[in-house]
Amino acid sequence: MPILSGSPPVEVHLKRSARAQRFSLRVSRLDGKVTLSMPLRAREGEALAFLKGNEDWLRETLQAMPGSMVQRVSLGSMIPVEGKALQIVAGPGRSIRTEGDRLLVPGDPATVGARVAAWLKVLARDRLAAASTRYATMVGRRYSALALRDTRSRWGSCSPDGRLMYSWRLVMAPPAVLDYVAAHEVAHLVELNHSAAYWAVVERIYPGWQAQRAWLHAEGQAVCGSRSCMVSWTPASH
């Protein structure tokens, strides 16, 4: 998956299509997913050149999306990170880091929102990859891929071919909640349903999951910005 470097970095999904006669960029209004469609015989280098040439439009589109952290976060803002409220303050050096109840963000104050969003996504990927691998080992299965999105309708999903998808906003929730969602989705590698057998797998790899599920229903709106966030399995027809 290509990554458009910059602040913040942007994941771009390449899609080859027999119908495509030209390159095209699309940004999903549902979850912010960026898709670059290209003809079957086109070279990837040409697609990446097209992407770079339209970088300004892409970043403006992403920033203008409702609920964008780039729009809402600035110095002095409070945000949850792994279940703990941190205040964003100016910091030294080049890297973002936590210090007590503060999140130190160096650089131009005008880019704080973009930098914090990018930092949170990297942290989310690290935490979710580690948790997913841990639970996959426990059930003796492997997932085929892991992707992060800014979904407003679900916390995570597992496709029939073993692809895991998570909302990066899970890194704002307490670590136990993130672990539960990872266990919930990994359990679908064993049972592609929500049967009693499926929940038995969840109970085996994450005992006491009910408390974390209750937290998501009670407190999840503050993290994902929607009352409808949930964990789910994506059936083959999706």
Protein backbone atom coordinates (compact mmCIF):
# COMPACT_ATOMS: atom_id res chain seq x y z
CA MET A 1 0.00 0.00 0.00
CA PRO A 2 1.59 3.33 -1.03
CA ILE A 3 2.09 5.98 1.64
CA LEU A 4 1.98 9.63 0.62
CA SER A 5 4.70 11.17 2.76
CA GLY A 6 4.20 14.50 4.43
CA SER A 7 2.36 15.83 7.45
CA PRO A 8 0.39 13.74 8.08
CA PRO A 9 1.31 10.69 5.97
CA VAL A 10 -1.65 9.33 3.97
CA GLU A 11 -2.34 5.66 3.19
CA VAL A 12 -3.50 5.17 -0.41
CA HIS A 13 -5.19 2.01 -1.68
CA LEU A 14 -4.30 1.13 -5.29
CA LYS A 15 -7.12 -0.42 -7.32
CA ARG A 16 -6.54 -1.81 -10.80
CA SER A 17 -9.72 -1.87 -12.85
CA ALA A 18 -10.57 -3.23 -16.30
CA ARG A 19 -13.08 -0.40 -16.63
CA ALA A 20 -10.66 2.37 -15.75
CA GLN A 21 -9.43 4.37 -18.72
CA ARG A 22 -7.57 6.92 -16.63
CA PHE A 23 -6.23 7.51 -13.13
CA SER A 24 -8.69 8.75 -10.52
CA LEU A 25 -8.58 9.56 -6.81
CA ARG A 26 -11.52 9.03 -4.47
CA VAL A 27 -11.90 9.86 -0.78
CA SER A 28 -14.65 7.96 1.04
CA ARG A 29 -16.98 10.26 2.97
CA LEU A 30 -17.76 7.35 5.27
CA ASP A 31 -14.31 6.53 6.63
CA GLY A 32 -11.78 8.74 4.82
CA LYS A 33 -10.29 5.85 2.84
CA VAL A 34 -8.25 7.09 -0.13
CA THR A 35 -8.44 4.98 -3.31
CA LEU A 36 -6.37 5.52 -6.44
CA SER A 37 -7.96 3.68 -9.39
CA MET A 38 -5.81 2.85 -12.39
CA PRO A 39 -6.08 0.94 -15.71
CA LEU A 40 -4.97 -2.68 -15.65
CA ARG A 41 -1.89 -2.12 -17.79
CA ALA A 42 -0.82 1.17 -16.25
CA ARG A 43 2.49 1.35 -14.43
CA GLU A 44 2.50 1.91 -10.69
CA GLY A 45 5.10 4.64 -11.12
CA GLU A 46 2.68 6.59 -13.31
CA ALA A 47 -0.05 6.17 -10.70
CA LEU A 48 2.23 7.50 -7.96
CA ALA A 49 3.17 10.47 -10.13
CA PHE A 50 -0.54 11.20 -10.59
CA LEU A 51 -1.01 10.95 -6.83
CA LYS A 52 1.82 13.38 -6.15
CA GLY A 53 0.46 15.81 -8.71
CA ASN A 54 -2.88 15.87 -6.90
CA GLU A 55 -1.50 15.96 -3.37
CA ASP A 56 -2.79 19.47 -2.62
CA TRP A 57 -6.35 18.54 -3.63
CA LEU A 58 -6.18 15.32 -1.60
CA ARG A 59 -4.98 17.00 1.58
CA GLU A 60 -7.54 19.79 1.29
CA THR A 61 -10.29 17.20 0.84
CA LEU A 62 -9.18 15.16 3.86
CA GLN A 63 -8.85 18.24 6.04
CA ALA A 64 -12.33 19.45 5.11
CA MET A 65 -14.04 16.19 6.09
CA PRO A 66 -16.45 16.48 9.03
CA GLY A 67 -14.90 15.57 12.36
CA SER A 68 -11.34 15.97 11.10
CA MET A 69 -8.88 16.10 13.98
CA VAL A 70 -6.86 18.56 11.92
CA GLN A 71 -9.71 21.05 12.34
CA ARG A 72 -10.38 20.45 16.05
CA VAL A 73 -7.01 20.01 17.76
CA SER A 74 -4.62 22.82 18.68
CA LEU A 75 -2.27 23.80 21.51
CA GLY A 76 -4.19 23.69 24.77
CA SER A 77 -6.66 21.05 23.57
CA MET A 78 -7.35 17.98 25.68
CA ILE A 79 -7.42 14.58 23.96
CA PRO A 80 -7.65 11.01 25.29
CA VAL A 81 -4.62 8.79 24.61
CA GLU A 82 -4.88 5.18 25.76
CA GLY A 83 -7.67 6.16 28.12
CA LYS A 84 -5.83 9.08 29.73
CA ALA A 85 -6.72 12.73 29.10
CA LEU A 86 -3.66 14.66 27.92
CA GLN A 87 -3.26 18.37 27.27
CA ILE A 88 -1.47 19.31 24.07
CA VAL A 89 1.40 21.73 24.70
CA ALA A 90 4.35 22.99 22.68
CA GLY A 91 7.40 20.78 23.08
CA PRO A 92 11.09 20.75 22.16
CA GLY A 93 12.84 18.58 19.61
CA ARG A 94 11.32 16.89 16.60
CA SER A 95 9.19 14.05 17.99
CA ILE A 96 5.87 14.01 19.80
CA ARG A 97 6.03 12.44 23.25
CA THR A 98 4.00 12.15 26.43
CA GLU A 99 5.12 13.58 29.75
CA GLY A 100 2.80 13.06 32.68
CA ASP A 101 -0.58 14.46 31.72
CA ARG A 102 0.79 16.40 28.75
CA LEU A 103 1.36 15.60 25.08
CA LEU A 104 4.41 17.53 23.90
CA VAL A 105 4.13 18.53 20.24
CA PRO A 106 7.07 20.37 18.65
CA GLY A 107 7.00 22.42 15.46
CA ASP A 108 4.68 24.97 13.89
CA PRO A 109 1.49 25.42 15.99
CA ALA A 110 -0.49 25.54 12.73
CA THR A 111 0.34 21.87 12.05
CA VAL A 112 -0.49 20.54 15.52
CA GLY A 113 -3.74 18.85 14.45
CA ALA A 114 -2.14 17.07 11.51
CA ARG A 115 0.88 15.97 13.52
CA VAL A 116 -1.15 14.64 16.44
CA ALA A 117 -3.47 12.72 14.10
CA ALA A 118 -0.49 11.11 12.34
CA TRP A 119 1.17 10.25 15.67
CA LEU A 120 -2.00 8.64 17.01
CA LYS A 121 -2.39 6.51 13.87
CA VAL A 122 1.16 5.18 14.15
CA LEU A 123 0.59 4.41 17.85
CA ALA A 124 -2.71 2.72 17.02
CA ARG A 125 -1.12 0.52 14.35
CA ASP A 126 1.64 -0.56 16.75
CA ARG A 127 -0.81 -1.41 19.54
CA LEU A 128 -3.36 -3.16 17.31
CA ALA A 129 -0.74 -5.15 15.39
CA ALA A 130 0.78 -6.39 18.65
CA ALA A 131 -2.62 -7.33 20.11
CA SER A 132 -3.85 -8.98 16.90
CA THR A 133 -0.69 -11.06 16.59
CA ARG A 134 -0.91 -12.10 20.24
CA TYR A 135 -4.51 -13.30 19.96
CA ALA A 136 -3.96 -14.89 16.54
CA THR A 137 -1.17 -16.95 18.08
CA MET A 138 -3.55 -18.02 20.86
CA VAL A 139 -6.10 -19.36 18.36
CA GLY A 140 -3.49 -20.84 16.03
CA ARG A 141 -4.45 -18.71 13.04
CA ARG A 142 -2.89 -15.92 10.98
CA TYR A 143 -4.47 -12.77 9.64
CA SER A 144 -3.63 -11.78 6.08
CA ALA A 145 -3.50 -7.99 6.49
CA LEU A 146 -4.21 -5.22 8.97
CA ALA A 147 -5.59 -1.81 8.01
CA LEU A 148 -6.64 1.30 9.93
CA ARG A 149 -9.52 3.58 8.98
CA ASP A 150 -11.47 6.40 10.54
CA THR A 151 -14.74 4.51 10.53
CA ARG A 152 -17.89 5.98 12.08
CA SER A 153 -19.99 2.80 12.05
CA ARG A 154 -17.72 0.11 13.48
CA TRP A 155 -14.68 -0.36 15.67
CA GLY A 156 -13.35 -3.25 13.66
CA SER A 157 -14.09 -5.98 11.14
CA CYS A 158 -12.67 -9.25 9.84
CA SER A 159 -13.16 -10.34 6.23
CA PRO A 160 -13.48 -13.99 5.17
CA ASP A 161 -9.94 -13.92 3.77
CA GLY A 162 -8.47 -12.86 7.10
CA ARG A 163 -8.09 -9.12 6.61
CA LEU A 164 -8.49 -7.16 9.84
CA MET A 165 -9.68 -3.56 9.86
CA TYR A 166 -9.78 -1.29 12.90
CA SER A 167 -10.70 2.28 13.69
CA TRP A 168 -7.48 4.08 14.60
CA ARG A 169 -9.47 5.94 17.28
CA LEU A 170 -9.27 2.82 19.44
CA VAL A 171 -5.91 4.10 20.64
CA MET A 172 -7.82 6.83 22.48
CA ALA A 173 -9.70 4.22 24.53
CA PRO A 174 -8.23 2.40 27.54
CA PRO A 175 -5.73 -0.31 26.50
CA ALA A 176 -8.06 -3.06 27.76
CA VAL A 177 -10.76 -1.88 25.35
CA LEU A 178 -8.37 -1.92 22.39
CA ASP A 179 -7.30 -5.44 23.41
CA TYR A 180 -10.91 -6.61 23.55
CA VAL A 181 -11.67 -5.32 20.04
CA ALA A 182 -8.56 -7.06 18.72
CA ALA A 183 -9.63 -10.31 20.41
CA HIS A 184 -13.17 -9.89 19.06
CA GLU A 185 -11.97 -9.59 15.47
CA VAL A 186 -9.29 -12.28 15.70
CA ALA A 187 -11.91 -14.71 17.01
CA HIS A 188 -13.60 -14.37 13.61
CA LEU A 189 -10.57 -16.10 12.10
CA VAL A 190 -11.96 -19.21 13.82
CA GLU A 191 -15.71 -18.60 13.65
CA LEU A 192 -17.08 -16.39 10.87
CA ASN A 193 -20.27 -15.59 12.77
CA HIS A 194 -21.54 -14.51 16.17
CA SER A 195 -22.65 -17.96 17.32
CA ALA A 196 -22.20 -19.48 20.76
CA ALA A 197 -19.06 -21.17 19.44
CA TYR A 198 -17.69 -17.78 18.40
CA TRP A 199 -18.28 -16.22 21.82
CA ALA A 200 -16.63 -19.23 23.41
CA VAL A 201 -13.48 -18.37 21.45
CA VAL A 202 -13.66 -14.76 22.65
CA GLU A 203 -14.11 -15.91 26.25
CA ARG A 204 -11.12 -18.23 25.97
CA ILE A 205 -8.68 -15.62 24.67
CA TYR A 206 -10.13 -12.60 26.50
CA PRO A 207 -11.98 -13.61 29.69
CA GLY A 208 -14.22 -10.91 31.11
CA TRP A 209 -14.75 -9.22 27.73
CA GLN A 210 -18.22 -8.08 28.81
CA ALA A 211 -16.79 -5.16 30.81
CA GLN A 212 -14.92 -3.76 27.80
CA ARG A 213 -17.92 -4.22 25.52
CA ALA A 214 -20.02 -2.30 28.05
CA TRP A 215 -17.42 0.51 28.05
CA LEU A 216 -17.70 0.81 24.27
CA HIS A 217 -21.48 1.14 24.46
CA ALA A 218 -21.33 3.66 27.32
CA GLU A 219 -18.26 5.73 26.47
CA GLY A 220 -17.45 5.00 22.82
CA GLN A 221 -19.24 8.05 21.46
CA ALA A 222 -16.60 10.32 22.98
CA VAL A 223 -13.90 8.45 21.03
CA CYS A 224 -15.44 7.80 17.62
CA GLY A 225 -17.87 10.73 17.47
CA SER A 226 -20.85 8.48 16.71
CA ARG A 227 -23.38 6.48 18.68
CA SER A 228 -23.25 3.69 16.13
CA CYS A 229 -19.63 2.52 16.43
CA MET A 230 -19.48 -1.25 16.93
CA VAL A 231 -17.35 -4.29 16.28
CA SER A 232 -18.54 -6.59 13.54
CA TRP A 233 -17.67 -9.24 10.99
CA THR A 234 -17.70 -8.32 7.32
CA PRO A 235 -19.45 -11.08 5.32
CA ALA A 236 -18.27 -12.25 1.91
CA SER A 237 -20.91 -10.23 0.12
CA HIS A 238 -19.46 -6.92 1.35
